[in-house]
Structures are given as C-alpha cells and as structure tokens.
Amino acid sequence: MRALYKLDGNNRRLDNEHNTMTPKISLEELWSSPVSEDQVFIAAPRIPHAIAAQRYLEHTIASGTRLASAVRLQMHGEIKLKGWLPFTAEEVIRWDRGMIWAASVQMNGITIDGSDRVVDGEGSMDWKAPGAIPVMTAAGPDITRSAIGRVHVEAIWLPSMLSKPTVAWTQTDHSNLHASFTMLGRTAELDLVVEDNGRITSASVQRWGNPDRAAFHDVSFGGMLDDEATFEGYTIPTRIRAGWYFGTDRFEVDGEFFRATINQATFR
C-alpha cells in the first residue's frame, strides 16, 4: 500500500508540505489519558422489540459493574499475509478516542513490529522490520474510515459502549440482533447473533475496505466468536476468527485473515 506520509527516525510524522513534525500518541498514552465514566451497570427494563439485547447485556456485564471507557487487551494468534503467521499483540480501545493495536509478527525468522490505529480521527498503519526498515506505512481518509469500521466490530470487547442509552436495538428473530450507534464520528450498524443465554457467537458490519485491491467500498466484515471469559465484571468473547466477506462463501476461501485468542482484559 502506498505511503501517504513519511516518518522520521523517532517515529514522528513528517508533513512535507509544511516540514513540521507531529508526534504519534503511544498505546500507553492512549490507555492513561483521562476517562469520564463513573456510572455502574444496572439491568434495565426490557428493551422493546429487542429482547435479545437484554439477554446479551445482562450476560456480558454483571450488575453493579462500573461502565468502562476503555479496555486493554493482551492476545496472541495468527494473521494471514500470504501464509498464516504467528503474532502477539496488545490493544487499547477507547470509545471516545479510538484504538491502537500494537503487534509483533514472526515472518521467516524475522520479527516485524508495528501498529494499526485510529486515534482522534486519524488512522494509519506502520510496520517495520529490524533496523527500523519500513515494511508498510499507510494513512489517509480511506485508512481512517476502514479503521473506524474495525473499532465498530470490536465494541464487543468494550460492552459498556453497547449499554449506552443512545444505542438503538432491533432484532429480526430470536437470535439475530442489530445495534445502531455513533462511535468515532460515524454511525455503526453492528449485527450480532445471540444464544439463549446471551452469549454472542458472531459480530459483523459493513466495513470500508479494498480486500480485492480495487477501489475502496463497503464490504461485509466480521468474525465468528468462540469461548468467553469474565474480566472485572465483563464477560467477553476470547476467541475470534475474522475477515472480509463475512457471511458468504468467500469468507472461508479468501476472506478470513485474523485468528486471535484474548489472554487478558483490563477495563478503566
């Protein structure tokens, strides 16, 4: 993917037009920045026309749990870059600011370090081989819009976001649930499949992307969710298989590119 900006040796963005440097916020800085939530979750009256939403929220958030503004995840798994490659990663998701996914990928005995991010309305990808040799750097409106779509799906790991009264819930049958909400300046249309006990087994959105290397456009994106664990009052999925063309035959053939297991989750 063509680089839309350059980085100096200190990992600062260099804007050629004005020859200025803009520091990039770190994962630690995003995590440590102030949060505002001070409410706790209390099971609400039944949600009209979306009983599955009630099942999900009461399953995923224990009554009396503080409504978090951020989650910090530790994970490992495989990512498909021609072949499947192992990775370890840490991620911070802030409902009001964005996310940073920082990972190390093992490729042919070499460790590739980098991050995918969208913070304060600006998305980018930045990956380097040992010696700070650039592997892939990209930014711009399409990257930002695509990264926001990713965060919309990953709201499943910050379910306090989905408990807000501004989320509009609908369901088409006993198990298929739809949440419409605004996050990071864009409207999310999140589809969930919910079991009788409230556990979700899949999550998907229409995400801006170009998996076929054509012009960017909306593509079905999502993941199948297995297993779950409870961290600090939140019960969240801990295994995911995710990718493009979700819900179609193409997902299994050439859409799936991400498999991860959540090892730890911390909320604040």
Protein backbone atom coordinates (compact mmCIF):
# COMPACT_ATOMS: atom_id res chain seq x y z
CA MET A 1 0.00 0.00 0.00
CA ARG A 2 1.44 3.39 -0.98
CA ALA A 3 2.70 5.52 1.88
CA LEU A 4 0.78 8.76 2.26
CA TYR A 5 3.27 10.29 4.68
CA LYS A 6 6.82 9.67 5.85
CA LEU A 7 8.22 9.03 9.33
CA ASP A 8 11.49 10.28 10.76
CA GLY A 9 13.86 8.16 12.84
CA ASN A 10 11.96 8.93 16.03
CA ASN A 11 8.67 7.61 14.62
CA ARG A 12 7.26 11.10 14.17
CA ARG A 13 5.13 12.07 11.23
CA LEU A 14 6.82 14.36 8.73
CA ASP A 15 4.40 16.60 6.81
CA ASN A 16 6.29 17.53 3.67
CA GLU A 17 4.12 20.50 2.76
CA HIS A 18 4.86 22.39 5.96
CA ASN A 19 8.00 20.48 7.04
CA THR A 20 6.57 20.02 10.54
CA MET A 21 6.66 17.04 12.90
CA THR A 22 3.61 15.63 14.69
CA PRO A 23 4.30 13.10 17.48
CA LYS A 24 2.21 9.93 17.37
CA ILE A 25 0.46 9.02 20.59
CA SER A 26 1.64 5.74 22.11
CA LEU A 27 -0.53 2.86 23.27
CA GLU A 28 0.42 3.67 26.86
CA GLU A 29 -0.57 7.32 26.44
CA LEU A 30 -3.93 6.36 24.96
CA TRP A 31 -4.58 3.99 27.85
CA SER A 32 -3.51 6.50 30.52
CA SER A 33 -5.44 9.51 29.22
CA PRO A 34 -8.34 10.61 31.47
CA VAL A 35 -11.67 8.78 31.36
CA SER A 36 -15.02 10.18 32.39
CA GLU A 37 -17.37 7.26 33.10
CA ASP A 38 -18.42 6.95 36.76
CA GLN A 39 -21.70 5.07 36.40
CA VAL A 40 -22.41 1.39 37.05
CA PHE A 41 -24.45 -1.09 35.05
CA ILE A 42 -27.90 -1.89 36.39
CA ALA A 43 -30.21 -4.22 34.48
CA ALA A 44 -32.76 -2.00 32.77
CA PRO A 45 -36.41 -2.65 31.93
CA ARG A 46 -36.97 -4.83 28.89
CA ILE A 47 -35.86 -3.23 25.63
CA PRO A 48 -38.92 -3.03 23.34
CA HIS A 49 -38.63 -5.15 20.19
CA ALA A 50 -35.13 -6.39 21.20
CA ILE A 51 -35.34 -8.93 24.00
CA ALA A 52 -32.11 -10.49 22.69
CA ALA A 53 -30.33 -7.22 23.51
CA GLN A 54 -31.43 -7.56 27.11
CA ARG A 55 -30.16 -11.15 27.20
CA TYR A 56 -26.83 -10.04 25.76
CA LEU A 57 -26.28 -7.01 28.03
CA GLU A 58 -27.20 -8.87 31.21
CA HIS A 59 -24.88 -11.72 30.19
CA THR A 60 -21.89 -9.58 29.24
CA ILE A 61 -21.98 -7.01 32.09
CA ALA A 62 -22.51 -8.02 35.71
CA SER A 63 -24.94 -5.83 37.62
CA GLY A 64 -23.05 -3.17 39.57
CA THR A 65 -20.01 -3.20 37.25
CA ARG A 66 -18.55 0.23 36.57
CA LEU A 67 -19.16 1.32 32.97
CA ALA A 68 -15.69 1.45 31.47
CA SER A 69 -14.47 3.97 28.90
CA ALA A 70 -11.55 1.82 27.76
CA VAL A 71 -10.30 -1.74 27.56
CA ARG A 72 -6.75 -3.05 27.28
CA LEU A 73 -6.37 -6.47 25.67
CA GLN A 74 -3.47 -8.89 25.50
CA MET A 75 -3.75 -11.50 22.77
CA HIS A 76 -1.96 -13.96 20.54
CA GLY A 77 -2.88 -15.69 17.30
CA GLU A 78 -2.24 -15.89 13.58
CA ILE A 79 -2.57 -13.36 10.79
CA LYS A 80 -2.71 -14.27 7.10
CA LEU A 81 -0.10 -12.50 4.97
CA LYS A 82 0.18 -14.89 2.02
CA GLY A 83 0.57 -17.62 4.66
CA TRP A 84 -0.53 -17.78 8.30
CA LEU A 85 1.99 -16.11 10.60
CA PRO A 86 2.02 -16.12 14.42
CA PHE A 87 1.69 -12.87 16.35
CA THR A 88 1.45 -11.46 19.85
CA ALA A 89 -0.30 -8.16 20.41
CA GLU A 90 -1.65 -5.63 22.83
CA GLU A 91 -4.60 -3.38 22.07
CA VAL A 92 -6.27 -0.41 23.70
CA ILE A 93 -9.81 0.61 22.67
CA ARG A 94 -11.21 3.95 23.86
CA TRP A 95 -14.84 4.55 22.91
CA ASP A 96 -14.28 8.33 22.68
CA ARG A 97 -10.84 8.42 21.01
CA GLY A 98 -10.19 5.22 19.02
CA MET A 99 -7.82 2.28 19.24
CA ILE A 100 -4.21 1.18 18.86
CA TRP A 101 -3.33 -2.44 18.03
CA ALA A 102 0.42 -2.97 18.54
CA ALA A 103 1.78 -6.35 17.46
CA SER A 104 4.87 -8.41 16.71
CA VAL A 105 4.57 -10.82 13.76
CA GLN A 106 7.02 -13.63 13.08
CA MET A 107 7.91 -13.93 9.39
CA ASN A 108 10.64 -16.28 8.15
CA GLY A 109 12.54 -15.98 11.43
CA ILE A 110 12.27 -12.18 11.44
CA THR A 111 10.14 -10.14 13.84
CA ILE A 112 8.01 -7.46 12.20
CA ASP A 113 6.79 -4.85 14.70
CA GLY A 114 4.11 -2.27 14.12
CA SER A 115 0.63 -1.00 14.74
CA ASP A 116 -2.76 -0.38 13.20
CA ARG A 117 -4.53 2.58 14.73
CA VAL A 118 -7.17 5.26 14.59
CA VAL A 119 -6.86 7.96 17.23
CA ASP A 120 -8.67 11.29 17.34
CA GLY A 121 -9.93 10.96 13.78
CA GLU A 122 -6.68 9.88 12.11
CA GLY A 123 -5.98 6.29 11.06
CA SER A 124 -2.69 4.75 9.99
CA MET A 125 -0.71 1.53 9.60
CA ASP A 126 3.02 1.45 10.35
CA TRP A 127 5.09 -1.75 10.20
CA LYS A 128 8.88 -2.16 10.34
CA ALA A 129 11.47 -4.92 10.14
CA PRO A 130 14.57 -4.99 12.40
CA GLY A 131 16.68 -1.89 11.96
CA ALA A 132 13.53 0.25 11.56
CA ILE A 133 13.26 -0.80 7.91
CA PRO A 134 9.74 0.14 6.71
CA VAL A 135 7.57 -2.78 5.62
CA MET A 136 4.26 -0.96 5.22
CA THR A 137 3.15 2.57 6.01
CA ALA A 138 -0.24 3.98 5.07
CA ALA A 139 -2.65 6.69 6.10
CA GLY A 140 -5.38 8.89 4.69
CA PRO A 141 -9.20 9.11 4.67
CA ASP A 142 -9.75 5.54 3.40
CA ILE A 143 -7.45 4.05 6.06
CA THR A 144 -9.15 6.10 8.75
CA ARG A 145 -12.65 5.11 7.66
CA SER A 146 -11.68 1.44 7.47
CA ALA A 147 -10.07 1.52 10.92
CA ILE A 148 -13.21 3.05 12.43
CA GLY A 149 -15.21 0.16 10.97
CA ARG A 150 -12.87 -2.24 12.74
CA VAL A 151 -13.48 -0.47 16.06
CA HIS A 152 -17.23 -0.75 15.50
CA VAL A 153 -16.93 -4.55 15.43
CA GLU A 154 -14.54 -4.59 18.37
CA ALA A 155 -17.11 -2.85 20.55
CA ILE A 156 -17.86 -6.45 21.61
CA TRP A 157 -14.70 -6.19 23.76
CA LEU A 158 -15.93 -2.96 25.36
CA PRO A 159 -19.56 -3.86 26.01
CA SER A 160 -20.13 -0.82 28.21
CA MET A 161 -20.21 1.05 24.89
CA LEU A 162 -23.20 -1.05 23.83
CA SER A 163 -25.07 -0.44 27.09
CA LYS A 164 -25.44 3.29 26.38
CA PRO A 165 -29.00 4.60 26.01
CA THR A 166 -28.03 6.09 22.63
CA VAL A 167 -27.69 2.58 21.12
CA ALA A 168 -30.77 1.68 19.04
CA TRP A 169 -31.52 -2.06 19.19
CA THR A 170 -33.68 -4.11 16.83
CA GLN A 171 -33.99 -7.84 16.14
CA THR A 172 -35.40 -9.81 13.25
CA ASP A 173 -35.83 -13.12 15.08
CA HIS A 174 -34.95 -14.82 18.35
CA SER A 175 -31.20 -14.78 17.74
CA ASN A 176 -30.35 -12.05 15.22
CA LEU A 177 -29.76 -8.66 16.79
CA HIS A 178 -28.83 -5.27 15.32
CA ALA A 179 -27.25 -2.31 17.15
CA SER A 180 -27.07 1.16 15.61
CA PHE A 181 -24.87 3.72 17.36
CA THR A 182 -22.40 6.52 16.71
CA MET A 183 -18.75 5.94 17.57
CA LEU A 184 -15.73 7.97 16.43
CA GLY A 185 -17.92 10.24 14.35
CA ARG A 186 -19.52 7.51 12.23
CA THR A 187 -22.70 5.52 12.55
CA ALA A 188 -22.12 1.84 13.28
CA GLU A 189 -24.54 -0.83 12.10
CA LEU A 190 -23.46 -3.87 14.09
CA ASP A 191 -25.09 -7.28 13.60
CA LEU A 192 -24.85 -9.87 16.38
CA VAL A 193 -26.03 -13.47 16.74
CA VAL A 194 -27.06 -14.18 20.33
CA GLU A 195 -27.64 -17.52 22.04
CA ASP A 196 -30.41 -18.16 24.57
CA ASN A 197 -28.05 -17.45 27.48
CA GLY A 198 -26.96 -14.11 25.98
CA ARG A 199 -23.57 -15.21 24.62
CA ILE A 200 -22.77 -13.78 21.19
CA THR A 201 -21.45 -16.14 18.52
CA SER A 202 -20.77 -13.68 15.69
CA ALA A 203 -20.41 -9.96 15.04
CA SER A 204 -20.29 -8.13 11.71
CA VAL A 205 -20.55 -4.74 9.99
CA GLN A 206 -20.25 -3.27 6.54
CA ARG A 207 -16.65 -2.02 6.65
CA TRP A 208 -14.87 0.33 4.25
CA GLY A 209 -12.02 -1.57 2.59
CA ASN A 210 -10.37 -2.91 -0.55
CA PRO A 211 -9.62 -6.59 0.09
CA ASP A 212 -9.81 -7.25 -3.66
CA ARG A 213 -7.30 -4.41 -4.31
CA ALA A 214 -9.95 -2.43 -6.19
CA ALA A 215 -11.33 0.94 -5.13
CA PHE A 216 -12.40 1.20 -1.50
CA HIS A 217 -16.03 0.27 -0.88
CA ASP A 218 -18.24 -1.25 1.81
CA VAL A 219 -17.54 -4.95 2.34
CA SER A 220 -19.07 -7.34 4.86
CA PHE A 221 -16.56 -7.78 7.68
CA GLY A 222 -16.88 -9.76 10.89
CA GLY A 223 -15.93 -12.72 12.95
CA MET A 224 -17.06 -15.98 14.49
CA LEU A 225 -16.74 -15.93 18.27
CA ASP A 226 -15.85 -18.93 20.42
CA ASP A 227 -15.24 -19.28 24.15
CA GLU A 228 -15.55 -16.46 26.63
CA ALA A 229 -14.14 -15.35 29.97
CA THR A 230 -15.02 -12.84 32.65
CA PHE A 231 -12.67 -9.96 33.45
CA GLU A 232 -13.57 -7.35 36.08
CA GLY A 233 -17.31 -7.93 35.67
CA TYR A 234 -17.29 -8.13 31.85
CA THR A 235 -17.86 -11.46 30.09
CA ILE A 236 -16.40 -11.15 26.59
CA PRO A 237 -15.52 -13.47 23.69
CA THR A 238 -11.95 -14.74 23.93
CA ARG A 239 -11.53 -16.46 20.55
CA ILE A 240 -12.26 -14.92 17.16
CA ARG A 241 -11.88 -15.85 13.50
CA ALA A 242 -12.35 -12.68 11.48
CA GLY A 243 -12.09 -11.33 7.96
CA TRP A 244 -13.76 -9.92 4.88
CA TYR A 245 -16.84 -11.26 3.02
CA PHE A 246 -18.26 -12.44 6.34
CA GLY A 247 -21.48 -14.39 5.93
CA THR A 248 -20.61 -15.55 2.40
CA ASP A 249 -18.72 -18.50 0.94
CA ARG A 250 -15.78 -16.19 0.21
CA PHE A 251 -15.05 -15.81 3.92
CA GLU A 252 -13.67 -19.33 4.18
CA VAL A 253 -11.94 -19.20 0.79
CA ASP A 254 -10.13 -15.87 0.77
CA GLY A 255 -11.73 -13.57 3.35
CA GLU A 256 -10.55 -14.84 6.72
CA PHE A 257 -7.20 -13.34 7.73
CA PHE A 258 -7.24 -12.97 11.54
CA ARG A 259 -7.41 -15.57 14.31
CA ALA A 260 -6.88 -14.47 17.88
CA THR A 261 -7.21 -15.56 21.49
CA ILE A 262 -7.65 -12.98 24.23
CA ASN A 263 -5.35 -13.75 27.16
CA GLN A 264 -6.22 -10.83 29.42
CA ALA A 265 -8.56 -7.82 29.50
CA THR A 266 -8.36 -4.80 31.81
CA PHE A 267 -11.04 -2.11 31.97
CA ARG A 268 -10.96 1.51 33.13
